[in-house]
Amino acid sequence: MALASEQDSGEVTSTPKGDPVLTFCFTSETEDHKLITTSQGREFAEMGFLPIGVAQIDPNDPNEFLLRELKGLSANLRFALHYKASDLVRTALEGLSDHQN
């Protein structure tokens, strides 16, 4: 998720100019592949965050994931997702495995 806004054109852009502010939120999906909004996701949305990508985590190996961007992102959000989001996901997964040990 990124601190962002959707423009009239449909493009999602970073709200503060400069480096986008990113965060990570766990969620799951329905059988028809729609994201389930969590209470944490709603809290982030209330602060101005919008989803910009989805990390699909391999259930057989939680250290492996595929990161997909959502459509309509501005260039700076695509760049941030490509270069920064993987670290956010890894950090969240490490925190999850730390709590399981």
N, C-alpha and C. Protein backbone atom coordinates (compact mmCIF):
# COMPACT_ATOMS: atom_id res chain seq x y z
N MET A 1 0.85 -1.16 0.00
CA MET A 1 0.00 0.00 0.00
C MET A 1 0.90 1.23 0.00
N ALA A 2 0.40 2.28 -0.58
CA ALA A 2 1.16 3.53 -0.64
C ALA A 2 0.27 4.69 -0.25
N LEU A 3 0.87 5.69 0.35
CA LEU A 3 0.16 6.93 0.63
C LEU A 3 -0.06 7.57 -0.73
N ALA A 4 -1.29 7.51 -1.23
CA ALA A 4 -1.54 7.86 -2.63
C ALA A 4 -2.97 8.36 -2.80
N SER A 5 -3.22 8.86 -3.99
CA SER A 5 -4.58 9.28 -4.34
C SER A 5 -4.85 8.88 -5.78
N GLU A 6 -6.13 8.67 -6.08
CA GLU A 6 -6.52 8.34 -7.45
C GLU A 6 -6.98 9.62 -8.14
N GLN A 7 -6.38 9.89 -9.29
CA GLN A 7 -6.70 11.08 -10.06
C GLN A 7 -7.98 10.86 -10.87
N ASP A 8 -8.56 11.92 -11.39
CA ASP A 8 -9.76 11.81 -12.22
C ASP A 8 -9.51 10.89 -13.43
N SER A 9 -8.27 10.85 -13.90
CA SER A 9 -7.92 10.01 -15.05
C SER A 9 -7.88 8.53 -14.68
N GLY A 10 -7.91 8.22 -13.39
CA GLY A 10 -7.82 6.83 -12.94
C GLY A 10 -6.42 6.44 -12.50
N GLU A 11 -5.43 7.31 -12.79
CA GLU A 11 -4.06 7.02 -12.39
C GLU A 11 -3.91 7.20 -10.88
N VAL A 12 -3.20 6.27 -10.26
CA VAL A 12 -2.91 6.34 -8.83
C VAL A 12 -1.52 6.96 -8.67
N THR A 13 -1.43 8.07 -7.95
CA THR A 13 -0.17 8.78 -7.78
C THR A 13 0.16 8.93 -6.31
N SER A 14 1.43 9.08 -6.02
CA SER A 14 1.90 9.29 -4.67
C SER A 14 1.40 10.64 -4.16
N THR A 15 0.84 10.66 -2.96
CA THR A 15 0.31 11.91 -2.42
C THR A 15 1.42 12.90 -2.09
N PRO A 16 2.40 12.55 -1.24
CA PRO A 16 3.50 13.50 -1.06
C PRO A 16 4.45 13.37 -2.25
N LYS A 17 4.87 14.50 -2.77
CA LYS A 17 5.83 14.45 -3.88
C LYS A 17 7.17 13.95 -3.34
N GLY A 18 7.94 13.28 -4.20
CA GLY A 18 9.20 12.69 -3.78
C GLY A 18 9.04 11.19 -3.62
N ASP A 19 9.82 10.61 -2.73
CA ASP A 19 9.76 9.16 -2.52
C ASP A 19 8.41 8.76 -1.95
N PRO A 20 7.74 7.80 -2.59
CA PRO A 20 6.44 7.35 -2.07
C PRO A 20 6.58 6.69 -0.69
N VAL A 21 5.56 6.88 0.13
CA VAL A 21 5.50 6.26 1.45
C VAL A 21 4.77 4.93 1.28
N LEU A 22 5.46 3.83 1.57
CA LEU A 22 4.90 2.49 1.39
C LEU A 22 4.72 1.80 2.74
N THR A 23 3.77 0.89 2.78
CA THR A 23 3.58 0.02 3.93
C THR A 23 3.08 -1.32 3.43
N PHE A 24 3.07 -2.31 4.32
CA PHE A 24 2.63 -3.66 3.95
C PHE A 24 1.48 -4.07 4.86
N CYS A 25 0.54 -4.79 4.31
CA CYS A 25 -0.62 -5.24 5.06
C CYS A 25 -0.95 -6.67 4.62
N PHE A 26 -1.03 -7.61 5.58
CA PHE A 26 -1.44 -8.97 5.24
C PHE A 26 -2.92 -9.00 4.89
N THR A 27 -3.28 -9.83 3.94
CA THR A 27 -4.68 -10.06 3.58
C THR A 27 -4.77 -11.45 2.97
N SER A 28 -5.92 -11.85 2.55
CA SER A 28 -6.10 -13.10 1.81
C SER A 28 -7.12 -12.83 0.72
N GLU A 29 -7.50 -13.89 0.00
CA GLU A 29 -8.43 -13.68 -1.09
C GLU A 29 -9.56 -14.70 -1.02
N THR A 30 -10.67 -14.35 -1.65
CA THR A 30 -11.82 -15.24 -1.72
C THR A 30 -11.55 -16.31 -2.77
N GLU A 31 -12.46 -17.27 -2.86
CA GLU A 31 -12.30 -18.33 -3.87
C GLU A 31 -12.33 -17.77 -5.29
N ASP A 32 -13.02 -16.64 -5.49
CA ASP A 32 -13.04 -16.04 -6.82
C ASP A 32 -11.96 -14.96 -6.98
N HIS A 33 -10.91 -15.04 -6.13
CA HIS A 33 -9.69 -14.23 -6.24
C HIS A 33 -9.89 -12.74 -5.98
N LYS A 34 -10.81 -12.38 -5.11
CA LYS A 34 -10.97 -10.99 -4.71
C LYS A 34 -10.33 -10.82 -3.34
N LEU A 35 -9.62 -9.70 -3.18
CA LEU A 35 -8.95 -9.45 -1.91
C LEU A 35 -9.96 -9.23 -0.79
N ILE A 36 -9.64 -9.77 0.38
CA ILE A 36 -10.45 -9.57 1.56
C ILE A 36 -9.84 -8.41 2.33
N THR A 37 -10.63 -7.38 2.57
CA THR A 37 -10.15 -6.22 3.30
C THR A 37 -10.10 -6.55 4.79
N THR A 38 -8.94 -6.33 5.39
CA THR A 38 -8.76 -6.59 6.82
C THR A 38 -8.95 -5.29 7.60
N SER A 39 -9.05 -5.41 8.92
CA SER A 39 -9.16 -4.20 9.74
C SER A 39 -7.90 -3.34 9.60
N GLN A 40 -6.74 -3.98 9.48
CA GLN A 40 -5.51 -3.21 9.29
C GLN A 40 -5.54 -2.48 7.95
N GLY A 41 -6.04 -3.13 6.91
CA GLY A 41 -6.16 -2.49 5.60
C GLY A 41 -7.10 -1.30 5.65
N ARG A 42 -8.21 -1.43 6.38
CA ARG A 42 -9.15 -0.31 6.53
C ARG A 42 -8.49 0.85 7.27
N GLU A 43 -7.70 0.54 8.30
CA GLU A 43 -7.00 1.59 9.04
C GLU A 43 -6.03 2.35 8.13
N PHE A 44 -5.28 1.61 7.32
CA PHE A 44 -4.36 2.26 6.39
C PHE A 44 -5.13 3.10 5.38
N ALA A 45 -6.26 2.59 4.89
CA ALA A 45 -7.06 3.34 3.92
C ALA A 45 -7.57 4.65 4.54
N GLU A 46 -7.95 4.61 5.80
CA GLU A 46 -8.41 5.82 6.48
C GLU A 46 -7.29 6.86 6.60
N MET A 47 -6.03 6.40 6.60
CA MET A 47 -4.89 7.32 6.67
C MET A 47 -4.47 7.82 5.28
N GLY A 48 -5.14 7.32 4.22
CA GLY A 48 -4.82 7.78 2.87
C GLY A 48 -4.01 6.80 2.04
N PHE A 49 -3.84 5.58 2.50
CA PHE A 49 -3.11 4.57 1.74
C PHE A 49 -4.04 3.85 0.78
N LEU A 50 -3.52 3.53 -0.40
CA LEU A 50 -4.24 2.75 -1.40
C LEU A 50 -3.42 1.52 -1.76
N PRO A 51 -4.06 0.41 -2.11
CA PRO A 51 -3.29 -0.75 -2.57
C PRO A 51 -2.61 -0.43 -3.90
N ILE A 52 -1.35 -0.82 -4.00
CA ILE A 52 -0.62 -0.62 -5.27
C ILE A 52 -0.06 -1.93 -5.81
N GLY A 53 -0.07 -2.97 -4.98
CA GLY A 53 0.46 -4.24 -5.41
C GLY A 53 -0.02 -5.36 -4.51
N VAL A 54 0.18 -6.58 -5.01
CA VAL A 54 -0.20 -7.77 -4.27
C VAL A 54 0.98 -8.73 -4.26
N ALA A 55 1.33 -9.22 -3.08
CA ALA A 55 2.36 -10.25 -2.95
C ALA A 55 1.67 -11.58 -2.75
N GLN A 56 1.85 -12.48 -3.69
CA GLN A 56 1.29 -13.82 -3.57
C GLN A 56 2.38 -14.71 -2.97
N ILE A 57 2.13 -15.18 -1.75
CA ILE A 57 3.12 -15.95 -1.01
C ILE A 57 2.91 -17.43 -1.27
N ASP A 58 4.00 -18.13 -1.56
CA ASP A 58 3.96 -19.57 -1.81
C ASP A 58 3.67 -20.30 -0.51
N PRO A 59 2.53 -21.01 -0.40
CA PRO A 59 2.20 -21.69 0.85
C PRO A 59 3.18 -22.79 1.23
N ASN A 60 3.90 -23.33 0.24
CA ASN A 60 4.89 -24.37 0.51
C ASN A 60 6.23 -23.81 0.96
N ASP A 61 6.48 -22.56 0.65
CA ASP A 61 7.72 -21.90 1.05
C ASP A 61 7.44 -20.42 1.27
N PRO A 62 7.09 -20.04 2.51
CA PRO A 62 6.71 -18.65 2.79
C PRO A 62 7.79 -17.62 2.49
N ASN A 63 9.02 -18.06 2.22
CA ASN A 63 10.08 -17.11 1.85
C ASN A 63 10.01 -16.74 0.37
N GLU A 64 9.20 -17.46 -0.39
CA GLU A 64 9.05 -17.20 -1.82
C GLU A 64 7.73 -16.48 -2.07
N PHE A 65 7.78 -15.45 -2.89
CA PHE A 65 6.56 -14.72 -3.23
C PHE A 65 6.68 -14.07 -4.60
N LEU A 66 5.53 -13.81 -5.17
CA LEU A 66 5.43 -13.12 -6.45
C LEU A 66 4.78 -11.77 -6.19
N LEU A 67 5.38 -10.72 -6.63
CA LEU A 67 4.86 -9.37 -6.42
C LEU A 67 4.26 -8.86 -7.72
N ARG A 68 2.95 -8.54 -7.67
CA ARG A 68 2.25 -8.03 -8.85
C ARG A 68 1.79 -6.60 -8.59
N GLU A 69 1.96 -5.74 -9.57
CA GLU A 69 1.48 -4.37 -9.42
C GLU A 69 0.03 -4.29 -9.88
N LEU A 70 -0.72 -3.40 -9.26
CA LEU A 70 -2.08 -3.16 -9.68
C LEU A 70 -2.06 -2.17 -10.84
N LYS A 71 -3.08 -2.19 -11.64
CA LYS A 71 -3.15 -1.33 -12.83
C LYS A 71 -3.34 0.13 -12.45
N GLY A 72 -2.84 1.00 -13.31
CA GLY A 72 -3.09 2.43 -13.18
C GLY A 72 -2.10 3.19 -12.31
N LEU A 73 -0.95 2.60 -11.99
CA LEU A 73 0.02 3.27 -11.13
C LEU A 73 0.85 4.29 -11.91
N SER A 74 1.18 5.39 -11.24
CA SER A 74 2.08 6.37 -11.83
C SER A 74 3.48 5.76 -11.91
N ALA A 75 4.35 6.39 -12.67
CA ALA A 75 5.71 5.88 -12.85
C ALA A 75 6.46 5.80 -11.52
N ASN A 76 6.30 6.81 -10.65
CA ASN A 76 7.06 6.77 -9.40
C ASN A 76 6.55 5.67 -8.47
N LEU A 77 5.25 5.34 -8.52
CA LEU A 77 4.74 4.23 -7.70
C LEU A 77 5.18 2.89 -8.26
N ARG A 78 5.21 2.74 -9.59
CA ARG A 78 5.72 1.49 -10.19
C ARG A 78 7.18 1.30 -9.80
N PHE A 79 7.96 2.37 -9.86
CA PHE A 79 9.38 2.31 -9.50
C PHE A 79 9.53 1.89 -8.03
N ALA A 80 8.77 2.53 -7.14
CA ALA A 80 8.85 2.21 -5.71
C ALA A 80 8.44 0.77 -5.46
N LEU A 81 7.38 0.32 -6.12
CA LEU A 81 6.93 -1.05 -5.95
C LEU A 81 8.02 -2.02 -6.39
N HIS A 82 8.62 -1.74 -7.53
CA HIS A 82 9.65 -2.62 -8.08
C HIS A 82 10.90 -2.68 -7.19
N TYR A 83 11.32 -1.53 -6.65
CA TYR A 83 12.59 -1.47 -5.93
C TYR A 83 12.47 -1.49 -4.41
N LYS A 84 11.31 -1.22 -3.84
CA LYS A 84 11.21 -1.13 -2.38
C LYS A 84 10.24 -2.14 -1.76
N ALA A 85 9.22 -2.53 -2.49
CA ALA A 85 8.17 -3.36 -1.90
C ALA A 85 8.66 -4.75 -1.49
N SER A 86 9.59 -5.32 -2.25
CA SER A 86 10.09 -6.65 -1.90
C SER A 86 10.69 -6.66 -0.50
N ASP A 87 11.41 -5.60 -0.14
CA ASP A 87 11.98 -5.52 1.20
C ASP A 87 10.90 -5.45 2.27
N LEU A 88 9.82 -4.72 1.99
CA LEU A 88 8.69 -4.65 2.94
C LEU A 88 8.07 -6.02 3.16
N VAL A 89 7.88 -6.77 2.06
CA VAL A 89 7.28 -8.10 2.16
C VAL A 89 8.22 -9.03 2.93
N ARG A 90 9.50 -9.01 2.60
CA ARG A 90 10.46 -9.87 3.31
C ARG A 90 10.49 -9.56 4.81
N THR A 91 10.49 -8.29 5.16
CA THR A 91 10.49 -7.89 6.56
C THR A 91 9.24 -8.41 7.27
N ALA A 92 8.08 -8.29 6.62
CA ALA A 92 6.84 -8.78 7.20
C ALA A 92 6.87 -10.30 7.37
N LEU A 93 7.40 -11.00 6.37
CA LEU A 93 7.48 -12.46 6.47
C LEU A 93 8.47 -12.90 7.53
N GLU A 94 9.58 -12.17 7.67
CA GLU A 94 10.54 -12.49 8.73
C GLU A 94 9.91 -12.30 10.10
N GLY A 95 9.12 -11.23 10.26
CA GLY A 95 8.43 -10.98 11.51
C GLY A 95 7.44 -12.08 11.83
N LEU A 96 6.78 -12.58 10.78
CA LEU A 96 5.83 -13.67 10.96
C LEU A 96 6.54 -14.95 11.40
N SER A 97 7.67 -15.28 10.75
CA SER A 97 8.40 -16.48 11.13
C SER A 97 9.05 -16.35 12.50
N ASP A 98 9.44 -15.13 12.89
CA ASP A 98 9.98 -14.92 14.23
C ASP A 98 8.95 -15.24 15.30
N HIS A 99 7.67 -14.93 15.04
CA HIS A 99 6.61 -15.19 16.01
C HIS A 99 6.24 -16.67 16.05
N GLN A 100 6.60 -17.43 15.01
CA GLN A 100 6.28 -18.85 14.98
C GLN A 100 7.34 -19.69 15.66
N ASN A 101 8.52 -19.12 15.86
CA ASN A 101 9.63 -19.87 16.50
C ASN A 101 9.61 -19.73 17.99
